[in-house]
């Protein structure tokens, strides 16, 4: 009898767990009237993120560098999860993608499966100031 070994994608599971954690934090910081205590949620988000980074695109020598992209690392090692994105024309997080990997695997993109997940990530991103 041969044993079937099913490979578990720990990176994908961790990406889902990170988003579930954000949803839980939103629920914990929402009152009975459905109002989010944004200050408390922002404090949680800032403590939860391992790092918040920006980078710029190509610019001419002498020009002031402006951030074009961001990434927020949520967990690292095996597995690793981060949110990468681009800034919109107002310098706020625009398009984003949740990226994950595990030991010896390349980065893959997790697409939010529900509107609740997508809304939670957008609220999480709104907690961070990417300016000077």
N, C-alpha and C. Protein backbone atom coordinates (compact mmCIF):
# COMPACT_ATOMS: atom_id res chain seq x y z
N UNK A 1 0.85 -1.17 0.00
CA UNK A 1 0.00 0.00 0.00
C UNK A 1 0.90 1.24 0.00
N UNK A 2 0.66 2.12 -0.95
CA UNK A 2 1.49 3.32 -1.01
C UNK A 2 0.81 4.47 -0.28
N UNK A 3 1.63 5.22 0.44
CA UNK A 3 1.11 6.33 1.22
C UNK A 3 1.18 7.61 0.38
N UNK A 4 0.07 8.33 0.33
CA UNK A 4 0.04 9.58 -0.40
C UNK A 4 0.39 10.70 0.57
N UNK A 5 1.42 11.45 0.22
CA UNK A 5 1.84 12.57 1.06
C UNK A 5 1.37 13.85 0.38
N UNK A 6 0.51 14.56 1.05
CA UNK A 6 0.00 15.81 0.50
C UNK A 6 0.87 16.96 0.99
N UNK A 7 1.39 17.73 0.06
CA UNK A 7 2.25 18.85 0.42
C UNK A 7 1.38 20.03 0.84
N UNK A 8 1.66 20.58 2.00
CA UNK A 8 0.92 21.72 2.51
C UNK A 8 1.64 23.00 2.12
N UNK A 9 0.89 23.96 1.63
CA UNK A 9 1.47 25.24 1.26
C UNK A 9 1.40 26.15 2.49
N UNK A 10 2.46 26.12 3.28
CA UNK A 10 2.48 26.89 4.53
C UNK A 10 2.45 28.39 4.27
N UNK A 11 3.04 28.83 3.19
CA UNK A 11 3.02 30.25 2.85
C UNK A 11 1.61 30.74 2.60
N UNK A 12 0.85 29.97 1.82
CA UNK A 12 -0.54 30.33 1.54
C UNK A 12 -1.36 30.33 2.82
N UNK A 13 -1.17 29.31 3.65
CA UNK A 13 -1.91 29.25 4.92
C UNK A 13 -1.57 30.45 5.81
N UNK A 14 -0.30 30.85 5.81
CA UNK A 14 0.11 31.99 6.63
C UNK A 14 -0.47 33.29 6.08
N UNK A 15 -0.53 33.44 4.76
CA UNK A 15 -1.13 34.64 4.16
C UNK A 15 -2.59 34.75 4.58
N UNK A 16 -3.31 33.65 4.53
CA UNK A 16 -4.71 33.65 4.97
C UNK A 16 -4.82 33.96 6.46
N UNK A 17 -3.90 33.42 7.26
CA UNK A 17 -3.91 33.67 8.71
C UNK A 17 -3.63 35.14 9.01
N UNK A 18 -2.72 35.76 8.26
CA UNK A 18 -2.41 37.17 8.48
C UNK A 18 -3.62 38.04 8.19
N UNK A 19 -4.33 37.75 7.12
CA UNK A 19 -5.53 38.52 6.78
C UNK A 19 -6.62 38.26 7.81
N UNK A 20 -6.75 37.03 8.27
CA UNK A 20 -7.73 36.72 9.32
C UNK A 20 -7.42 37.49 10.59
N UNK A 21 -6.14 37.67 10.89
CA UNK A 21 -5.72 38.44 12.05
C UNK A 21 -6.12 39.91 11.91
N UNK A 22 -6.00 40.46 10.71
CA UNK A 22 -6.42 41.84 10.46
C UNK A 22 -7.92 41.97 10.64
N UNK A 23 -8.68 41.02 10.11
CA UNK A 23 -10.13 41.04 10.25
C UNK A 23 -10.52 40.98 11.72
N UNK A 24 -9.86 40.12 12.48
CA UNK A 24 -10.13 39.99 13.91
C UNK A 24 -9.83 41.30 14.64
N UNK A 25 -8.74 41.96 14.30
CA UNK A 25 -8.39 43.23 14.94
C UNK A 25 -9.43 44.30 14.62
N UNK A 26 -9.94 44.29 13.40
CA UNK A 26 -11.00 45.24 13.04
C UNK A 26 -12.23 44.97 13.88
N UNK A 27 -12.62 43.70 14.00
CA UNK A 27 -13.80 43.34 14.79
C UNK A 27 -13.62 43.73 16.26
N UNK A 28 -12.43 43.50 16.80
CA UNK A 28 -12.16 43.83 18.21
C UNK A 28 -12.18 45.34 18.47
N UNK A 29 -11.92 46.13 17.44
CA UNK A 29 -11.88 47.58 17.60
C UNK A 29 -13.11 48.28 17.00
N UNK A 30 -14.16 47.52 16.78
CA UNK A 30 -15.41 48.07 16.27
C UNK A 30 -16.45 47.99 17.39
N UNK A 31 -17.14 49.12 17.64
CA UNK A 31 -18.13 49.13 18.72
C UNK A 31 -19.45 48.53 18.26
N UNK A 32 -20.41 48.48 19.17
CA UNK A 32 -21.70 47.84 18.87
C UNK A 32 -22.49 48.60 17.81
N UNK A 33 -22.14 49.86 17.54
CA UNK A 33 -22.80 50.63 16.49
C UNK A 33 -22.13 50.46 15.13
N UNK A 34 -21.09 49.63 15.09
CA UNK A 34 -20.40 49.37 13.84
C UNK A 34 -19.33 50.39 13.50
N UNK A 35 -18.97 51.24 14.47
CA UNK A 35 -17.94 52.26 14.25
C UNK A 35 -16.57 51.72 14.64
N UNK A 36 -15.63 51.85 13.73
CA UNK A 36 -14.26 51.40 13.98
C UNK A 36 -13.53 52.47 14.78
N UNK A 37 -12.92 52.06 15.89
CA UNK A 37 -12.03 52.94 16.65
C UNK A 37 -10.71 52.93 15.88
N UNK A 38 -10.59 53.87 14.95
CA UNK A 38 -9.46 53.86 14.03
C UNK A 38 -8.14 54.04 14.75
N UNK A 39 -8.11 54.88 15.78
CA UNK A 39 -6.85 55.11 16.50
C UNK A 39 -6.33 53.82 17.14
N UNK A 40 -7.23 53.06 17.75
CA UNK A 40 -6.84 51.79 18.38
C UNK A 40 -6.42 50.78 17.32
N UNK A 41 -7.15 50.74 16.21
CA UNK A 41 -6.80 49.82 15.13
C UNK A 41 -5.46 50.20 14.51
N UNK A 42 -5.23 51.50 14.30
CA UNK A 42 -3.96 51.95 13.74
C UNK A 42 -2.80 51.57 14.65
N UNK A 43 -3.00 51.72 15.96
CA UNK A 43 -1.95 51.34 16.91
C UNK A 43 -1.64 49.85 16.79
N UNK A 44 -2.68 49.03 16.68
CA UNK A 44 -2.49 47.59 16.52
C UNK A 44 -1.72 47.31 15.22
N UNK A 45 -2.13 47.97 14.12
CA UNK A 45 -1.50 47.73 12.81
C UNK A 45 -0.02 48.10 12.84
N UNK A 46 0.29 49.24 13.45
CA UNK A 46 1.69 49.68 13.52
C UNK A 46 2.54 48.72 14.34
N UNK A 47 1.96 48.13 15.37
CA UNK A 47 2.69 47.16 16.18
C UNK A 47 2.79 45.81 15.49
N UNK A 48 1.81 45.47 14.67
CA UNK A 48 1.77 44.17 14.00
C UNK A 48 2.78 44.08 12.86
N UNK A 49 2.97 45.17 12.14
CA UNK A 49 3.88 45.16 10.99
C UNK A 49 5.32 45.04 11.45
N UNK A 50 6.07 44.14 10.82
CA UNK A 50 7.49 44.00 11.15
C UNK A 50 8.32 45.12 10.53
N UNK A 51 7.97 45.53 9.33
CA UNK A 51 8.65 46.66 8.70
C UNK A 51 7.73 47.30 7.67
N UNK A 52 7.93 48.60 7.48
CA UNK A 52 7.20 49.37 6.48
C UNK A 52 8.27 50.07 5.65
N UNK A 53 8.30 49.79 4.35
CA UNK A 53 9.36 50.28 3.49
C UNK A 53 8.79 50.89 2.21
N UNK A 54 9.54 51.83 1.63
CA UNK A 54 9.17 52.42 0.34
C UNK A 54 10.39 52.41 -0.57
N UNK A 55 10.14 52.52 -1.85
CA UNK A 55 11.22 52.70 -2.81
C UNK A 55 10.71 53.55 -3.97
N UNK A 56 11.66 54.17 -4.65
CA UNK A 56 11.30 55.05 -5.76
C UNK A 56 11.67 54.41 -7.08
N UNK A 57 11.16 55.00 -8.13
CA UNK A 57 11.50 54.55 -9.47
C UNK A 57 12.68 55.34 -10.02
N UNK A 58 12.92 55.20 -11.29
CA UNK A 58 14.02 55.91 -11.93
C UNK A 58 13.71 57.40 -11.99
N UNK A 59 14.70 58.20 -11.63
CA UNK A 59 14.55 59.65 -11.71
C UNK A 59 15.88 60.25 -12.15
N UNK A 60 15.83 61.43 -12.71
CA UNK A 60 17.05 62.12 -13.15
C UNK A 60 17.89 62.53 -11.96
N UNK A 61 19.18 62.58 -12.15
CA UNK A 61 20.10 63.02 -11.10
C UNK A 61 19.71 64.44 -10.69
N UNK A 62 19.68 64.66 -9.39
CA UNK A 62 19.34 65.98 -8.87
C UNK A 62 17.88 66.14 -8.52
N UNK A 63 17.00 65.29 -9.03
CA UNK A 63 15.59 65.36 -8.68
C UNK A 63 15.37 64.76 -7.31
N UNK A 64 14.35 65.24 -6.64
CA UNK A 64 13.98 64.70 -5.34
C UNK A 64 13.34 63.33 -5.55
N UNK A 65 13.82 62.36 -4.83
CA UNK A 65 13.25 61.02 -4.93
C UNK A 65 11.86 61.00 -4.30
N UNK A 66 10.94 60.39 -4.99
CA UNK A 66 9.59 60.22 -4.44
C UNK A 66 9.26 58.74 -4.46
N UNK A 67 8.59 58.31 -3.42
CA UNK A 67 8.25 56.90 -3.31
C UNK A 67 7.20 56.53 -4.34
N UNK A 68 7.42 55.41 -5.03
CA UNK A 68 6.47 54.88 -6.00
C UNK A 68 5.80 53.60 -5.50
N UNK A 69 6.54 52.85 -4.68
CA UNK A 69 6.05 51.55 -4.22
C UNK A 69 6.28 51.41 -2.72
N UNK A 70 5.51 50.51 -2.11
CA UNK A 70 5.68 50.22 -0.69
C UNK A 70 5.61 48.73 -0.46
N UNK A 71 6.09 48.33 0.71
CA UNK A 71 5.87 46.96 1.17
C UNK A 71 5.80 47.00 2.69
N UNK A 72 4.91 46.18 3.20
CA UNK A 72 4.74 46.02 4.65
C UNK A 72 4.94 44.53 4.94
N UNK A 73 5.99 44.22 5.68
CA UNK A 73 6.29 42.83 6.02
C UNK A 73 5.48 42.45 7.25
N UNK A 74 4.71 41.37 7.14
CA UNK A 74 3.86 40.91 8.24
C UNK A 74 4.49 39.78 9.02
N UNK A 75 5.20 38.89 8.35
CA UNK A 75 5.95 37.84 9.02
C UNK A 75 7.05 37.40 8.08
N UNK A 76 8.12 36.86 8.66
CA UNK A 76 9.27 36.52 7.84
C UNK A 76 9.82 35.17 8.24
N UNK A 77 10.64 34.64 7.39
CA UNK A 77 11.20 33.32 7.62
C UNK A 77 10.47 32.32 6.75
N UNK A 78 10.11 31.24 7.32
CA UNK A 78 9.33 30.24 6.60
C UNK A 78 8.08 29.97 7.41
N UNK A 79 6.98 30.52 7.00
CA UNK A 79 6.69 31.29 5.79
C UNK A 79 6.89 32.80 5.97
N UNK A 80 6.87 33.49 4.84
CA UNK A 80 7.04 34.94 4.77
C UNK A 80 5.79 35.52 4.12
N UNK A 81 5.25 36.63 4.69
CA UNK A 81 4.09 37.29 4.11
C UNK A 81 4.34 38.79 4.13
N UNK A 82 4.05 39.44 3.01
CA UNK A 82 4.16 40.89 2.94
C UNK A 82 3.07 41.43 2.01
N UNK A 83 2.77 42.70 2.19
CA UNK A 83 1.85 43.39 1.30
C UNK A 83 2.70 44.36 0.48
N UNK A 84 2.65 44.22 -0.83
CA UNK A 84 3.36 45.12 -1.74
C UNK A 84 2.33 45.96 -2.47
N UNK A 85 2.72 47.17 -2.82
CA UNK A 85 1.77 47.98 -3.56
C UNK A 85 2.40 49.20 -4.19
N UNK A 86 1.57 49.93 -4.89
CA UNK A 86 1.97 51.16 -5.56
C UNK A 86 1.14 52.30 -4.98
N UNK A 87 1.69 53.49 -5.06
CA UNK A 87 0.97 54.66 -4.60
C UNK A 87 0.11 55.23 -5.72
N UNK A 88 -1.05 55.77 -5.34
CA UNK A 88 -1.89 56.42 -6.34
C UNK A 88 -1.40 57.85 -6.54
N UNK A 89 -2.10 58.63 -7.33
CA UNK A 89 -1.66 59.99 -7.66
C UNK A 89 -1.67 60.92 -6.45
N UNK A 90 -2.30 60.53 -5.35
CA UNK A 90 -2.34 61.33 -4.13
C UNK A 90 -1.30 60.87 -3.10
N UNK A 91 -0.45 59.93 -3.49
CA UNK A 91 0.58 59.43 -2.58
C UNK A 91 0.05 58.47 -1.53
N UNK A 92 -1.14 57.92 -1.76
CA UNK A 92 -1.75 56.95 -0.84
C UNK A 92 -1.65 55.56 -1.45
N UNK A 93 -1.71 54.53 -0.61
CA UNK A 93 -1.67 53.16 -1.16
C UNK A 93 -2.79 52.97 -2.19
N UNK A 94 -2.40 52.52 -3.36
CA UNK A 94 -3.36 52.24 -4.42
C UNK A 94 -3.47 50.73 -4.59
N UNK A 95 -3.05 50.26 -5.75
CA UNK A 95 -3.10 48.82 -5.99
C UNK A 95 -2.15 48.11 -5.04
N UNK A 96 -2.57 46.95 -4.58
CA UNK A 96 -1.73 46.16 -3.67
C UNK A 96 -1.85 44.70 -4.01
N UNK A 97 -0.92 43.92 -3.47
CA UNK A 97 -0.97 42.46 -3.59
C UNK A 97 -0.36 41.86 -2.32
N UNK A 98 -0.97 40.81 -1.85
CA UNK A 98 -0.46 40.09 -0.69
C UNK A 98 0.44 38.99 -1.23
N UNK A 99 1.71 39.03 -0.85
CA UNK A 99 2.69 38.08 -1.36
C UNK A 99 3.11 37.14 -0.24
N UNK A 100 3.39 35.90 -0.61
CA UNK A 100 3.81 34.91 0.40
C UNK A 100 4.83 33.96 -0.20
N UNK A 101 5.61 33.36 0.69
CA UNK A 101 6.55 32.31 0.27
C UNK A 101 6.84 31.43 1.48
N UNK A 102 7.43 30.31 1.21
CA UNK A 102 7.87 29.40 2.25
C UNK A 102 9.31 29.01 1.90
N UNK A 103 9.95 28.29 2.77
CA UNK A 103 11.32 27.88 2.50
C UNK A 103 11.41 27.25 1.13
N UNK A 104 12.42 27.66 0.36
CA UNK A 104 12.75 27.10 -0.94
C UNK A 104 11.66 27.27 -1.99
N UNK A 105 10.73 28.18 -1.75
CA UNK A 105 9.69 28.48 -2.74
C UNK A 105 9.77 29.95 -3.08
N UNK A 106 9.50 30.29 -4.31
CA UNK A 106 9.46 31.69 -4.72
C UNK A 106 8.22 32.38 -4.19
N UNK A 107 8.19 33.69 -4.36
CA UNK A 107 7.04 34.48 -3.93
C UNK A 107 5.84 34.16 -4.82
N UNK A 108 4.68 34.13 -4.20
CA UNK A 108 3.43 33.93 -4.92
C UNK A 108 2.44 34.97 -4.41
N UNK A 109 1.44 35.23 -5.21
CA UNK A 109 0.44 36.25 -4.88
C UNK A 109 -0.84 35.59 -4.36
N UNK A 110 -1.31 36.07 -3.22
CA UNK A 110 -2.59 35.62 -2.68
C UNK A 110 -3.65 36.63 -3.09
N UNK A 111 -4.66 36.19 -3.76
CA UNK A 111 -5.76 37.06 -4.14
C UNK A 111 -6.86 36.92 -3.09
N UNK A 112 -7.25 38.06 -2.53
CA UNK A 112 -8.29 38.04 -1.50
C UNK A 112 -9.51 37.30 -2.05
N UNK A 113 -10.03 36.39 -1.24
CA UNK A 113 -11.12 35.53 -1.69
C UNK A 113 -12.49 36.15 -1.45
N UNK A 114 -12.56 37.12 -0.54
CA UNK A 114 -13.84 37.74 -0.21
C UNK A 114 -13.69 39.26 -0.16
N UNK A 115 -14.80 39.94 -0.24
CA UNK A 115 -14.80 41.39 -0.10
C UNK A 115 -14.35 41.79 1.30
N UNK A 116 -14.69 40.98 2.30
CA UNK A 116 -14.27 41.25 3.67
C UNK A 116 -12.74 41.26 3.78
N UNK A 117 -12.08 40.30 3.14
CA UNK A 117 -10.62 40.26 3.15
C UNK A 117 -10.04 41.50 2.47
N UNK A 118 -10.57 41.84 1.31
CA UNK A 118 -10.09 42.98 0.55
C UNK A 118 -10.28 44.28 1.35
N UNK A 119 -11.46 44.46 1.95
CA UNK A 119 -11.72 45.65 2.77
C UNK A 119 -10.78 45.71 3.97
N UNK A 120 -10.52 44.57 4.59
CA UNK A 120 -9.64 44.54 5.76
C UNK A 120 -8.23 44.97 5.39
N UNK A 121 -7.71 44.47 4.28
CA UNK A 121 -6.36 44.85 3.86
C UNK A 121 -6.32 46.35 3.55
N UNK A 122 -7.34 46.87 2.89
CA UNK A 122 -7.37 48.30 2.58
C UNK A 122 -7.42 49.15 3.85
N UNK A 123 -8.19 48.73 4.85
CA UNK A 123 -8.21 49.45 6.13
C UNK A 123 -6.85 49.37 6.81
N UNK A 124 -6.21 48.22 6.74
CA UNK A 124 -4.88 48.05 7.31
C UNK A 124 -3.90 49.01 6.65
N UNK A 125 -3.92 49.09 5.32
CA UNK A 125 -3.01 49.97 4.60
C UNK A 125 -3.26 51.43 4.94
N UNK A 126 -4.50 51.78 5.21
CA UNK A 126 -4.82 53.18 5.52
C UNK A 126 -4.25 53.62 6.86
N UNK A 127 -3.74 52.70 7.65
CA UNK A 127 -3.15 53.02 8.96
C UNK A 127 -1.76 53.61 8.85
N UNK A 128 -1.13 53.50 7.69
CA UNK A 128 0.27 53.88 7.57
C UNK A 128 0.43 55.16 6.79
N UNK A 129 1.34 56.00 7.27
CA UNK A 129 1.69 57.24 6.59
C UNK A 129 3.02 57.01 5.89
N UNK A 130 3.05 57.24 4.59
CA UNK A 130 4.23 56.94 3.80
C UNK A 130 4.99 58.20 3.39
N UNK A 131 4.64 59.33 3.97
CA UNK A 131 5.29 60.59 3.60
C UNK A 131 6.62 60.76 4.30
N UNK A 132 7.16 61.99 4.16
CA UNK A 132 8.46 62.31 4.78
C UNK A 132 8.40 62.30 6.29
